[in-house]
């Protein structure tokens, strides 16, 4: 059975490319590199979202925290993303 790793984060996890405004390709994103490094016994689940914060709600865009999805994320240090 493959082990699954959830990568929950912000634009860095999503793979935002500041030069183009788009997204880096799978081989460039750190989550893709992690997948390659770990090998076929693992599945990396990318849950990146631009402008996401862990501890504070976005005053304009609304709910972007993980607290409602997983209450255990509500006290996680910002370094998780």
Protein backbone atom coordinates (compact mmCIF):
# COMPACT_ATOMS: atom_id res chain seq x y z
CA UNK A 1 0.00 0.00 0.00
CA UNK A 2 1.32 3.45 -0.92
CA UNK A 3 1.79 6.05 1.78
CA UNK A 4 0.09 9.36 1.18
CA UNK A 5 1.56 12.72 2.16
CA UNK A 6 -0.66 15.79 2.18
CA UNK A 7 1.16 19.02 1.33
CA UNK A 8 -1.18 21.74 2.59
CA UNK A 9 0.03 25.24 1.91
CA UNK A 10 0.01 28.51 0.04
CA UNK A 11 1.33 29.66 -3.34
CA UNK A 12 4.68 27.96 -2.71
CA UNK A 13 2.91 24.61 -2.43
CA UNK A 14 0.69 25.40 -5.42
CA UNK A 15 3.78 26.27 -7.46
CA UNK A 16 3.12 29.92 -8.31
CA UNK A 17 5.54 31.29 -10.92
CA UNK A 18 6.07 34.99 -10.17
CA UNK A 19 7.46 35.69 -13.64
CA UNK A 20 4.50 34.38 -15.62
CA UNK A 21 1.69 34.50 -13.07
CA UNK A 22 1.03 30.85 -13.90
CA UNK A 23 2.10 27.62 -12.33
CA UNK A 24 5.43 25.85 -12.50
CA UNK A 25 5.34 22.46 -14.17
CA UNK A 26 5.21 19.29 -12.08
CA UNK A 27 8.94 18.63 -12.40
CA UNK A 28 9.81 22.12 -11.12
CA UNK A 29 7.39 22.34 -8.17
CA UNK A 30 8.86 21.16 -4.86
CA UNK A 31 6.00 18.73 -4.43
CA UNK A 32 6.90 17.06 -7.71
CA UNK A 33 10.54 16.87 -6.68
CA UNK A 34 9.50 15.34 -3.36
CA UNK A 35 7.45 12.74 -5.23
CA UNK A 36 10.45 11.80 -7.36
CA UNK A 37 12.77 11.67 -4.34
CA UNK A 38 10.45 9.40 -2.36
CA UNK A 39 9.69 7.08 -5.24
CA UNK A 40 6.69 4.97 -6.21
CA UNK A 41 5.84 3.92 -2.65
CA UNK A 42 4.43 7.37 -1.92
CA UNK A 43 1.69 9.60 -3.27
CA UNK A 44 2.06 13.35 -2.81
CA UNK A 45 -1.26 15.17 -2.55
CA UNK A 46 -0.87 18.83 -3.50
CA UNK A 47 -3.27 21.09 -1.61
CA UNK A 48 -1.72 24.45 -2.37
CA UNK A 49 -3.82 27.57 -2.81
CA UNK A 50 -2.59 31.05 -3.63
CA UNK A 51 -3.09 33.55 -0.79
CA UNK A 52 -3.81 30.83 1.74
CA UNK A 53 -2.94 31.53 5.34
CA UNK A 54 -2.88 29.03 8.16
CA UNK A 55 -3.94 31.16 11.10
CA UNK A 56 -5.84 34.17 9.73
CA UNK A 57 -8.85 34.51 7.45
CA UNK A 58 -8.37 36.57 4.30
CA UNK A 59 -10.44 39.77 4.78
CA UNK A 60 -11.28 39.99 1.07
CA UNK A 61 -11.27 36.45 -0.28
CA UNK A 62 -12.78 34.78 2.78
CA UNK A 63 -12.00 31.37 4.17
CA UNK A 64 -8.59 30.18 3.02
CA UNK A 65 -7.41 28.59 6.23
CA UNK A 66 -7.50 24.90 6.92
CA UNK A 67 -9.20 25.26 10.28
CA UNK A 68 -12.66 24.39 9.00
CA UNK A 69 -11.43 21.44 7.00
CA UNK A 70 -9.15 20.12 9.71
CA UNK A 71 -9.36 21.72 13.14
CA UNK A 72 -5.94 20.27 13.92
CA UNK A 73 -4.44 22.82 11.49
CA UNK A 74 -5.68 25.81 13.46
CA UNK A 75 -2.57 26.03 15.65
CA UNK A 76 0.06 24.94 13.19
CA UNK A 77 3.09 27.26 12.76
CA UNK A 78 3.28 29.13 9.43
CA UNK A 79 6.36 27.08 8.43
CA UNK A 80 4.06 24.21 7.45
CA UNK A 81 3.17 25.85 4.11
